[in-house]
Amino acid sequence: MKELSPKKYIETKARNLPIHKCFINRDWQSSKMANVIVMRKHVNGNVTVGIYLIDLLCLGVKDAHFLFNEPEDKVLEYFENSLQEVDYNLAHNIVYAGHDFAMEYDIQPHPDFKTVKNILEEDDDNIPLIEVEVGDRNGLPSLILQPGQEFKYRHVYEKLTSKLGKDNFNYYVGDNYDDEDDDDDVSNKIDDYELGSITPCNVTSIDIEDLINEEKRENRTFFEISTIMIELSLRLLSNTQPDLFDDIPVDEREEYFDIESAPFFPEGFTQEQDEQVMEFEDDDIAFLKQVTKSNPITDEERSTHNIKMLHKYANNPVVVVKVLEDSIYLNLEIVPEVRGVLKRLSLQYPIAKINYAFSTLILEENDSLIDYVVKGDDIYSVFPNVESFSLYELYSFWLLKTFYELQNNNLKKAIYYYELLAETDLTSVLLDQVQRLMSDKINEYLNLRDKET
């Protein structure tokens, strides 16, 4: 008889094992963040463990994973000193209180909860109900994020806004959350951000002393360093050359209000296409996990992978755009083939047409069909038949416009569009090329000013 995999065993047989011990962090009631551990005991003395990270303020089941058939003493080495033992019924109620509260707002549990929930008992009337406080003191959701997580949880923000309105839930980015603290004039530090999470949006809130600290900068990723250097240049220009900046602050411009109301994916994007984007990202992560210092991925292997993704998701414009960006950035020979697919999709999707136009500029190719796209001042004039645009379309258009204006030596207009794209809190691999060109143009401008004076 074929032996079941750990995952299959948990999904089909875990509830046949007796509940053994349960643990939770001591400060779960004050922090509203619960690390719940549930053990079931095998006949061999080992334990299978469900581990659940529960956000009782908003997000519900943030994480879920399991340990299968492990020695109990080995497991306890990780948990026993930092957690307190609790009754199973309390552990169960905490998990499902967070889960159910989040689901009221269509905030889905971590995907692995589908498997790991089977280490818990069935959530039915056989479990005594214990009241667990969720939300803030008024029972409202509180979306509390660390710096750099704004994009990851934007879909949650959109759902809360849609269901409650912007003023009927709490939203806070940063450490030491206090629901009575509304001070927005707080400068963050570089070290507040996880590696790789600094973007053109959140870099604007980092203290200048940290930005000029070379030692702190050099520990960040290449893309983050590029973003930091552009931010430093823009802060310098805003003080010395204020005429390069629009009189209307970015958060008061008409385009800014499009950002606040924009969904992430384009109009007409189906649920299936949405899921395909997530599948693609999983496929790409699995591919990149092969990379090691001793076994780097070759251009040929990357090209083969990208072509495979292109054929698998040939009718998904967002995936094709991502494949094209990667292929251009790595200067792969498959770029013409990818652009051909994107050009076909551009007949139906503005996101495809915008990025086809952008790739035409970057590759310095000629295509008169995209002239009206690159020369349009705003996205609504370029696509007059589209009533509203997604966040990704807005970002892509403003990235295109920033690059176009830089190519035409219009630094003021380029800064205008760059400030807008920064507010979307999106990034892409080709942002680096735009930032490099912007750095060059700023340096040219400053050198010219120096000569004139």
Protein backbone atom coordinates (compact mmCIF):
# COMPACT_ATOMS: atom_id res chain seq x y z
CA MET A 1 0.00 0.00 0.00
CA LYS A 2 1.37 3.40 -0.98
CA GLU A 3 2.41 5.53 1.99
CA LEU A 4 0.58 8.83 2.30
CA SER A 5 2.53 12.07 2.00
CA PRO A 6 2.57 14.23 5.17
CA LYS A 7 0.20 16.70 3.50
CA LYS A 8 -2.24 13.97 2.44
CA TYR A 9 -2.06 12.33 5.86
CA ILE A 10 -2.95 15.59 7.58
CA GLU A 11 -5.84 16.25 5.17
CA THR A 12 -7.34 12.77 5.64
CA LYS A 13 -6.20 11.23 8.94
CA ALA A 14 -4.87 13.89 11.34
CA ARG A 15 -8.15 14.16 13.24
CA ASN A 16 -7.89 10.48 14.17
CA LEU A 17 -4.92 11.38 16.38
CA PRO A 18 -5.67 12.62 19.91
CA ILE A 19 -5.12 16.28 20.79
CA HIS A 20 -1.98 16.43 22.92
CA LYS A 21 -0.83 19.94 23.90
CA CYS A 22 -1.60 23.51 22.81
CA PHE A 23 0.43 26.68 23.25
CA ILE A 24 0.03 30.40 22.60
CA ASN A 25 2.18 33.50 23.08
CA ARG A 26 1.70 35.17 26.46
CA ASP A 27 0.87 38.63 25.08
CA TRP A 28 -1.76 37.58 22.53
CA GLN A 29 -4.55 39.56 24.18
CA SER A 30 -2.65 42.84 24.28
CA SER A 31 -0.90 42.47 20.92
CA LYS A 32 -3.91 40.97 19.13
CA MET A 33 -1.41 38.77 17.31
CA ALA A 34 -1.56 35.10 18.30
CA ASN A 35 0.93 32.33 17.61
CA VAL A 36 -1.20 29.23 18.16
CA ILE A 37 0.38 25.77 18.36
CA VAL A 38 -1.75 22.61 18.34
CA MET A 39 -0.18 19.16 18.74
CA ARG A 40 -1.63 15.74 18.01
CA LYS A 41 0.18 12.62 19.24
CA HIS A 42 1.07 9.56 17.17
CA VAL A 43 1.20 6.05 18.64
CA ASN A 44 5.01 6.19 18.27
CA GLY A 45 5.15 9.14 20.70
CA ASN A 46 5.92 11.70 18.03
CA VAL A 47 3.69 14.69 17.36
CA THR A 48 2.20 16.39 14.33
CA VAL A 49 1.90 20.11 14.89
CA GLY A 50 -0.31 22.84 13.42
CA ILE A 51 1.21 26.32 13.64
CA TYR A 52 -1.09 29.28 13.06
CA LEU A 53 -0.28 33.00 13.01
CA ILE A 54 -3.55 34.79 13.75
CA ASP A 55 -4.08 38.53 13.34
CA LEU A 56 -7.12 39.31 15.50
CA LEU A 57 -7.17 42.92 14.36
CA CYS A 58 -7.90 42.32 10.69
CA LEU A 59 -6.06 39.77 8.58
CA GLY A 60 -7.16 36.56 10.28
CA VAL A 61 -5.00 33.55 9.41
CA LYS A 62 -1.82 35.28 8.23
CA ASP A 63 0.23 32.09 8.13
CA ALA A 64 -0.25 28.37 8.63
CA HIS A 65 2.16 25.46 8.39
CA PHE A 66 2.78 22.09 9.98
CA LEU A 67 5.43 19.79 11.40
CA PHE A 68 4.79 16.13 10.74
CA ASN A 69 5.60 13.17 12.98
CA GLU A 70 8.41 14.94 14.86
CA PRO A 71 9.86 14.01 18.29
CA GLU A 72 8.00 16.01 20.92
CA ASP A 73 11.13 17.14 22.76
CA LYS A 74 12.56 18.54 19.53
CA VAL A 75 9.37 20.52 18.90
CA LEU A 76 9.21 21.82 22.46
CA GLU A 77 12.74 23.23 22.14
CA TYR A 78 11.29 25.79 19.75
CA PHE A 79 8.10 26.71 21.57
CA GLU A 80 7.97 25.87 25.25
CA ASN A 81 10.01 28.77 26.67
CA SER A 82 8.34 31.53 24.67
CA LEU A 83 4.73 30.30 24.86
CA GLN A 84 2.25 29.28 27.51
CA GLU A 85 0.25 26.07 27.47
CA VAL A 86 -3.51 26.52 27.05
CA ASP A 87 -6.65 24.42 26.74
CA TYR A 88 -7.50 23.23 23.23
CA ASN A 89 -10.87 24.96 23.22
CA LEU A 90 -9.23 28.35 23.74
CA ALA A 91 -6.68 27.67 20.99
CA HIS A 92 -9.46 26.64 18.61
CA ASN A 93 -11.59 29.69 19.38
CA ILE A 94 -8.69 32.08 18.85
CA VAL A 95 -7.90 30.63 15.42
CA TYR A 96 -11.49 30.73 14.24
CA ALA A 97 -12.28 34.10 15.81
CA GLY A 98 -9.54 35.65 13.68
CA HIS A 99 -10.50 33.56 10.66
CA ASP A 100 -14.20 34.43 10.80
CA PHE A 101 -13.61 38.12 11.49
CA ALA A 102 -11.38 38.41 8.42
CA MET A 103 -13.82 36.47 6.26
CA GLU A 104 -16.55 39.01 7.07
CA TYR A 105 -14.55 41.34 4.81
CA ASP A 106 -13.62 38.64 2.27
CA ILE A 107 -10.03 38.51 3.57
CA GLN A 108 -9.00 34.96 2.79
CA PRO A 109 -6.85 32.81 5.11
CA HIS A 110 -3.32 31.80 4.18
CA PRO A 111 -3.55 29.19 1.35
CA ASP A 112 -1.95 26.48 3.51
CA PHE A 113 -4.74 26.80 6.06
CA LYS A 114 -6.78 24.56 3.76
CA THR A 115 -4.46 21.73 4.79
CA VAL A 116 -3.36 22.75 8.29
CA LYS A 117 -6.91 23.35 9.54
CA ASN A 118 -7.29 19.57 9.59
CA ILE A 119 -5.02 19.41 12.64
CA LEU A 120 -7.78 21.33 14.40
CA GLU A 121 -11.11 19.79 15.25
CA GLU A 122 -14.05 20.52 12.97
CA ASP A 123 -15.38 24.00 13.73
CA ASP A 124 -18.87 23.04 14.84
CA ASP A 125 -21.14 23.05 17.91
CA ASN A 126 -19.06 20.37 19.61
CA ILE A 127 -16.48 23.04 20.45
CA PRO A 128 -17.59 25.25 23.37
CA LEU A 129 -17.78 28.89 22.27
CA ILE A 130 -15.34 31.23 24.00
CA GLU A 131 -15.63 34.94 23.28
CA VAL A 132 -12.41 36.29 21.76
CA GLU A 133 -12.11 40.03 21.17
CA VAL A 134 -11.40 40.97 17.56
CA GLY A 135 -10.79 44.30 15.85
CA ASP A 136 -10.10 47.50 17.76
CA ARG A 137 -11.92 48.56 20.93
CA ASN A 138 -14.97 49.37 18.78
CA GLY A 139 -14.82 46.08 16.90
CA LEU A 140 -13.57 47.70 13.68
CA PRO A 141 -10.81 46.17 11.54
CA SER A 142 -7.32 47.60 12.03
CA LEU A 143 -4.98 46.96 9.12
CA ILE A 144 -1.56 47.37 10.73
CA LEU A 145 1.42 46.96 8.39
CA GLN A 146 5.16 47.21 8.66
CA PRO A 147 6.90 49.64 6.27
CA GLY A 148 7.21 48.03 2.85
CA GLN A 149 4.09 45.86 3.17
CA GLU A 150 1.69 48.39 1.67
CA PHE A 151 1.62 46.79 -1.78
CA LYS A 152 1.36 43.23 -0.48
CA TYR A 153 -1.83 44.06 1.40
CA ARG A 154 -3.31 46.62 -0.96
CA HIS A 155 -6.07 44.18 -1.93
CA VAL A 156 -7.11 44.06 1.75
CA TYR A 157 -7.21 47.85 1.91
CA GLU A 158 -9.40 47.88 -1.20
CA LYS A 159 -11.83 45.34 0.28
CA LEU A 160 -12.13 47.25 3.55
CA THR A 161 -12.65 50.50 1.69
CA SER A 162 -15.30 48.92 -0.52
CA LYS A 163 -17.23 47.34 2.37
CA LEU A 164 -16.79 49.98 5.09
CA GLY A 165 -15.67 53.23 3.50
CA LYS A 166 -12.27 54.79 4.13
CA ASP A 167 -13.23 56.35 7.46
CA ASN A 168 -14.67 53.23 9.09
CA PHE A 169 -11.55 51.16 9.70
CA ASN A 170 -8.03 51.80 10.96
CA TYR A 171 -5.05 51.82 8.63
CA TYR A 172 -1.54 52.29 9.93
CA VAL A 173 1.97 51.67 8.59
CA GLY A 174 4.84 51.56 11.08
CA ASP A 175 5.90 50.25 14.46
CA ASN A 176 4.33 50.84 17.87
CA TYR A 177 0.74 51.14 16.72
CA ASP A 178 -1.59 53.10 18.97
CA ASP A 179 -5.13 53.58 17.72
CA GLU A 180 -5.21 57.02 19.33
CA ASP A 181 -1.97 58.16 17.71
CA ASP A 182 -2.61 60.09 14.51
CA ASP A 183 0.78 61.72 14.17
CA ASP A 184 1.73 61.50 10.50
CA ASP A 185 4.99 63.45 10.82
CA VAL A 186 7.16 60.50 11.77
CA SER A 187 10.35 59.75 9.86
CA ASN A 188 11.25 56.12 9.35
CA LYS A 189 14.69 54.54 9.36
CA ILE A 190 16.17 52.37 6.62
CA ASP A 191 16.42 49.49 9.08
CA ASP A 192 12.63 49.65 9.59
CA TYR A 193 12.22 48.07 6.17
CA GLU A 194 12.74 44.45 5.26
CA LEU A 195 15.46 43.88 2.68
CA GLY A 196 14.02 44.50 -0.77
CA SER A 197 10.95 46.41 0.42
CA ILE A 198 12.06 50.04 -0.08
CA THR A 199 10.07 51.58 -2.94
CA PRO A 200 9.75 55.03 -4.53
CA CYS A 201 6.64 55.47 -2.34
CA ASN A 202 7.93 54.62 1.13
CA VAL A 203 11.44 56.00 0.58
CA THR A 204 9.93 59.49 0.83
CA SER A 205 9.27 58.92 4.54
CA ILE A 206 12.82 57.81 5.42
CA ASP A 207 14.91 60.21 7.45
CA ILE A 208 17.50 62.10 5.38
CA GLU A 209 20.28 61.16 7.79
CA ASP A 210 19.63 57.51 7.01
CA LEU A 211 19.46 58.09 3.26
CA ILE A 212 22.90 59.71 3.17
CA ASN A 213 24.41 56.99 5.38
CA GLU A 214 26.54 55.05 2.88
CA GLU A 215 27.03 52.11 5.23
CA LYS A 216 23.28 51.61 5.55
CA ARG A 217 22.73 52.03 1.81
CA GLU A 218 25.31 49.48 0.78
CA ASN A 219 23.50 46.75 2.74
CA ARG A 220 20.38 47.14 0.59
CA THR A 221 19.55 45.58 -2.78
CA PHE A 222 20.70 47.15 -6.03
CA PHE A 223 17.15 48.29 -6.82
CA GLU A 224 16.73 49.87 -3.39
CA ILE A 225 20.02 51.76 -3.70
CA SER A 226 18.87 53.14 -7.04
CA THR A 227 15.57 54.25 -5.47
CA ILE A 228 17.38 55.88 -2.52
CA MET A 229 19.78 57.79 -4.78
CA ILE A 230 16.90 59.17 -6.87
CA GLU A 231 15.12 60.24 -3.68
CA LEU A 232 18.25 62.06 -2.50
CA SER A 233 18.53 63.83 -5.86
CA LEU A 234 14.88 64.87 -5.79
CA ARG A 235 15.17 66.23 -2.25
CA LEU A 236 18.23 68.23 -3.32
CA LEU A 237 16.42 69.61 -6.37
CA SER A 238 13.30 70.49 -4.38
CA ASN A 239 15.45 72.76 -2.20
CA THR A 240 17.69 74.23 -4.89
CA GLN A 241 15.47 74.14 -8.00
CA PRO A 242 11.85 74.30 -6.81
CA ASP A 243 10.75 75.43 -10.30
CA LEU A 244 11.25 71.82 -11.46
CA PHE A 245 8.35 70.70 -9.26
CA ASP A 246 4.66 71.18 -9.90
CA ASP A 247 2.91 73.79 -7.77
CA ILE A 248 0.22 71.28 -6.79
CA PRO A 249 1.42 68.69 -4.25
CA VAL A 250 1.13 65.15 -5.59
CA ASP A 251 -1.55 64.13 -3.08
CA GLU A 252 -3.76 67.01 -4.21
CA ARG A 253 -3.58 66.33 -7.94
CA GLU A 254 -6.53 64.96 -9.85
CA GLU A 255 -4.55 61.85 -10.83
CA TYR A 256 -3.89 61.02 -7.18
CA PHE A 257 -7.56 60.36 -6.56
CA ASP A 258 -7.49 57.78 -9.37
CA ILE A 259 -4.85 55.91 -7.36
CA GLU A 260 -6.99 55.79 -4.25
CA SER A 261 -9.97 54.27 -6.04
CA ALA A 262 -8.15 52.04 -8.54
CA PRO A 263 -8.38 48.23 -8.38
CA PHE A 264 -5.11 46.40 -8.95
CA PHE A 265 -6.02 44.48 -12.10
CA PRO A 266 -7.38 45.95 -15.36
CA GLU A 267 -11.03 46.35 -16.22
CA GLY A 268 -12.49 43.13 -17.60
CA PHE A 269 -9.79 41.02 -15.95
CA THR A 270 -11.35 37.69 -14.99
CA GLN A 271 -10.98 35.72 -11.78
CA GLU A 272 -9.16 33.07 -13.80
CA GLN A 273 -6.65 35.62 -15.09
CA ASP A 274 -6.18 36.91 -11.53
CA GLU A 275 -5.37 33.39 -10.37
CA GLN A 276 -3.03 32.90 -13.34
CA VAL A 277 -0.90 35.84 -12.19
CA MET A 278 -0.49 34.20 -8.78
CA GLU A 279 0.30 30.84 -10.41
CA PHE A 280 2.90 32.52 -12.60
CA GLU A 281 4.55 34.13 -9.58
CA ASP A 282 4.68 30.72 -7.87
CA ASP A 283 6.17 29.18 -11.03
CA ASP A 284 8.79 31.92 -11.20
CA ILE A 285 9.73 31.60 -7.53
CA ALA A 286 10.12 27.81 -7.92
CA PHE A 287 12.37 28.38 -10.93
CA LEU A 288 14.53 30.96 -9.14
CA LYS A 289 15.01 28.68 -6.14
CA GLN A 290 17.42 26.73 -8.33
CA VAL A 291 19.88 29.63 -8.21
CA THR A 292 23.01 29.17 -6.12
CA LYS A 293 26.46 30.72 -6.27
CA SER A 294 27.83 27.46 -7.62
CA ASN A 295 24.91 26.87 -9.98
CA PRO A 296 23.71 30.18 -11.46
CA ILE A 297 20.92 30.16 -14.04
CA THR A 298 22.19 30.71 -17.56
CA ASP A 299 20.56 33.04 -20.09
CA GLU A 300 19.51 30.00 -22.08
CA GLU A 301 17.76 28.45 -19.07
CA ARG A 302 16.05 31.74 -18.26
CA SER A 303 14.95 32.13 -21.88
CA THR A 304 13.55 28.59 -21.91
CA HIS A 305 11.63 29.28 -18.70
CA ASN A 306 10.29 32.61 -19.96
CA ILE A 307 9.11 31.06 -23.24
CA LYS A 308 7.40 28.31 -21.29
CA MET A 309 5.60 30.95 -19.20
CA LEU A 310 4.76 32.93 -22.34
CA HIS A 311 3.07 29.94 -23.96
CA LYS A 312 1.32 28.87 -20.76
CA TYR A 313 -0.16 32.34 -20.11
CA ALA A 314 -0.24 33.72 -23.66
CA ASN A 315 -3.65 35.38 -23.17
CA ASN A 316 -2.87 37.02 -19.86
CA PRO A 317 -1.53 40.55 -20.48
CA VAL A 318 -0.18 41.05 -16.96
CA VAL A 319 1.91 37.86 -17.11
CA VAL A 320 3.16 38.65 -20.62
CA VAL A 321 4.19 42.12 -19.46
CA LYS A 322 6.16 40.61 -16.58
CA VAL A 323 7.87 38.12 -18.92
CA LEU A 324 8.77 40.95 -21.28
CA GLU A 325 10.17 43.14 -18.51
CA ASP A 326 12.39 40.32 -17.29
CA SER A 327 13.52 39.45 -20.82
CA ILE A 328 14.42 43.06 -21.64
CA TYR A 329 16.22 43.56 -18.34
CA LEU A 330 18.34 40.45 -18.92
CA ASN A 331 18.78 41.28 -22.63
CA LEU A 332 17.50 37.87 -23.70
CA GLU A 333 17.20 36.93 -27.37
CA ILE A 334 13.53 36.06 -26.95
CA VAL A 335 12.45 39.71 -26.58
CA PRO A 336 11.03 40.00 -30.16
CA GLU A 337 8.86 36.90 -29.65
CA VAL A 338 7.50 38.21 -26.35
CA ARG A 339 6.82 41.63 -27.85
CA GLY A 340 4.91 39.96 -30.68
CA VAL A 341 2.54 38.35 -28.18
CA LEU A 342 2.15 41.63 -26.31
CA LYS A 343 1.40 43.51 -29.53
CA ARG A 344 -1.42 41.07 -30.24
CA LEU A 345 -2.85 41.59 -26.75
CA SER A 346 -2.56 45.38 -27.13
CA LEU A 347 -5.57 45.29 -29.44
CA GLN A 348 -7.69 44.36 -26.43
CA TYR A 349 -5.89 45.53 -23.28
CA PRO A 350 -4.59 49.05 -22.52
CA ILE A 351 -2.03 47.52 -20.12
CA ALA A 352 -0.56 45.59 -23.05
CA LYS A 353 -0.52 48.64 -25.36
CA ILE A 354 1.15 50.83 -22.73
CA ASN A 355 3.90 48.31 -22.10
CA TYR A 356 4.36 47.53 -25.78
CA ALA A 357 4.90 51.27 -26.29
CA PHE A 358 7.31 51.40 -23.35
CA SER A 359 9.34 48.49 -24.68
CA THR A 360 9.51 50.22 -28.08
CA LEU A 361 11.07 53.27 -26.44
CA ILE A 362 13.53 51.30 -24.32
CA LEU A 363 14.68 49.19 -27.25
CA GLU A 364 14.91 52.32 -29.43
CA GLU A 365 12.71 50.81 -32.12
CA ASN A 366 10.25 52.58 -34.40
CA ASP A 367 6.53 51.95 -34.47
CA SER A 368 4.29 54.83 -35.51
CA LEU A 369 1.29 52.96 -34.09
CA ILE A 370 2.35 53.82 -30.55
CA ASP A 371 3.08 57.52 -31.07
CA TYR A 372 -0.29 58.60 -29.67
CA VAL A 373 0.35 56.51 -26.55
CA VAL A 374 3.73 58.00 -25.68
CA LYS A 375 2.74 61.57 -26.56
CA GLY A 376 -0.54 61.66 -24.64
CA ASP A 377 -0.38 63.74 -21.47
CA ASP A 378 -2.88 61.67 -19.51
CA ILE A 379 -4.14 58.12 -19.74
CA TYR A 380 -7.76 59.16 -20.30
CA SER A 381 -6.90 61.06 -23.48
CA VAL A 382 -4.97 58.07 -24.80
CA PHE A 383 -7.80 55.63 -24.09
CA PRO A 384 -10.96 57.79 -24.24
CA ASN A 385 -13.31 54.80 -24.30
CA VAL A 386 -12.09 53.40 -20.97
CA GLU A 387 -13.94 54.77 -17.94
CA SER A 388 -11.46 53.80 -15.22
CA PHE A 389 -8.00 52.30 -14.93
CA SER A 390 -6.33 49.82 -12.65
CA LEU A 391 -3.40 50.64 -10.41
CA TYR A 392 -1.11 48.61 -12.66
CA GLU A 393 -2.24 50.53 -15.75
CA LEU A 394 -1.72 53.89 -14.02
CA TYR A 395 1.75 52.86 -12.84
CA SER A 396 2.72 51.57 -16.29
CA PHE A 397 1.51 54.71 -18.05
CA TRP A 398 3.34 57.04 -15.66
CA LEU A 399 6.49 54.93 -15.94
CA LEU A 400 6.26 55.21 -19.73
CA LYS A 401 5.70 58.95 -19.53
CA THR A 402 8.60 59.47 -17.12
CA PHE A 403 10.93 57.68 -19.53
CA TYR A 404 9.56 59.52 -22.57
CA GLU A 405 9.94 62.97 -20.98
CA LEU A 406 13.47 62.13 -19.83
CA GLN A 407 14.39 61.08 -23.35
CA ASN A 408 13.10 64.45 -24.53
CA ASN A 409 15.02 66.34 -21.82
CA ASN A 410 11.88 67.58 -20.09
CA LEU A 411 12.98 67.02 -16.51
CA LYS A 412 10.07 68.91 -14.95
CA LYS A 413 7.47 66.76 -16.67
CA ALA A 414 9.46 63.61 -15.89
CA ILE A 415 9.50 64.47 -12.19
CA TYR A 416 5.75 65.13 -12.34
CA TYR A 417 5.07 61.63 -13.65
CA TYR A 418 7.67 59.98 -11.40
CA GLU A 419 5.98 61.45 -8.32
CA LEU A 420 2.70 59.97 -9.50
CA LEU A 421 4.08 56.49 -10.19
CA ALA A 422 5.75 56.53 -6.78
CA GLU A 423 2.37 57.01 -5.11
CA THR A 424 1.08 53.72 -6.56
CA ASP A 425 3.70 51.90 -4.44
CA LEU A 426 4.33 49.50 -7.33
CA THR A 427 7.72 48.59 -8.75
CA SER A 428 9.05 46.65 -11.72
CA VAL A 429 12.44 45.56 -12.98
CA LEU A 430 12.36 48.22 -15.70
CA LEU A 431 11.93 50.96 -13.11
CA ASP A 432 15.69 50.66 -12.70
CA GLN A 433 16.25 51.74 -16.31
CA VAL A 434 14.01 54.76 -15.79
CA GLN A 435 15.84 55.67 -12.58
CA ARG A 436 19.23 55.39 -14.27
CA LEU A 437 18.12 57.70 -17.07
CA MET A 438 16.65 60.10 -14.52
CA SER A 439 19.92 60.12 -12.58
CA ASP A 440 21.81 60.95 -15.77
CA LYS A 441 19.40 63.76 -16.68
CA ILE A 442 19.52 65.26 -13.19
CA ASN A 443 23.31 65.25 -13.28
CA GLU A 444 23.28 66.86 -16.74
CA TYR A 445 20.89 69.51 -15.49
CA LEU A 446 22.97 70.29 -12.41
CA ASN A 447 26.21 70.43 -14.44
CA LEU A 448 24.57 72.82 -16.88
CA ARG A 449 23.38 75.04 -14.04
CA ASP A 450 26.88 75.06 -12.57
CA LYS A 451 28.36 76.21 -15.87
CA GLU A 452 25.78 78.96 -16.19
CA THR A 453 26.64 80.29 -12.73
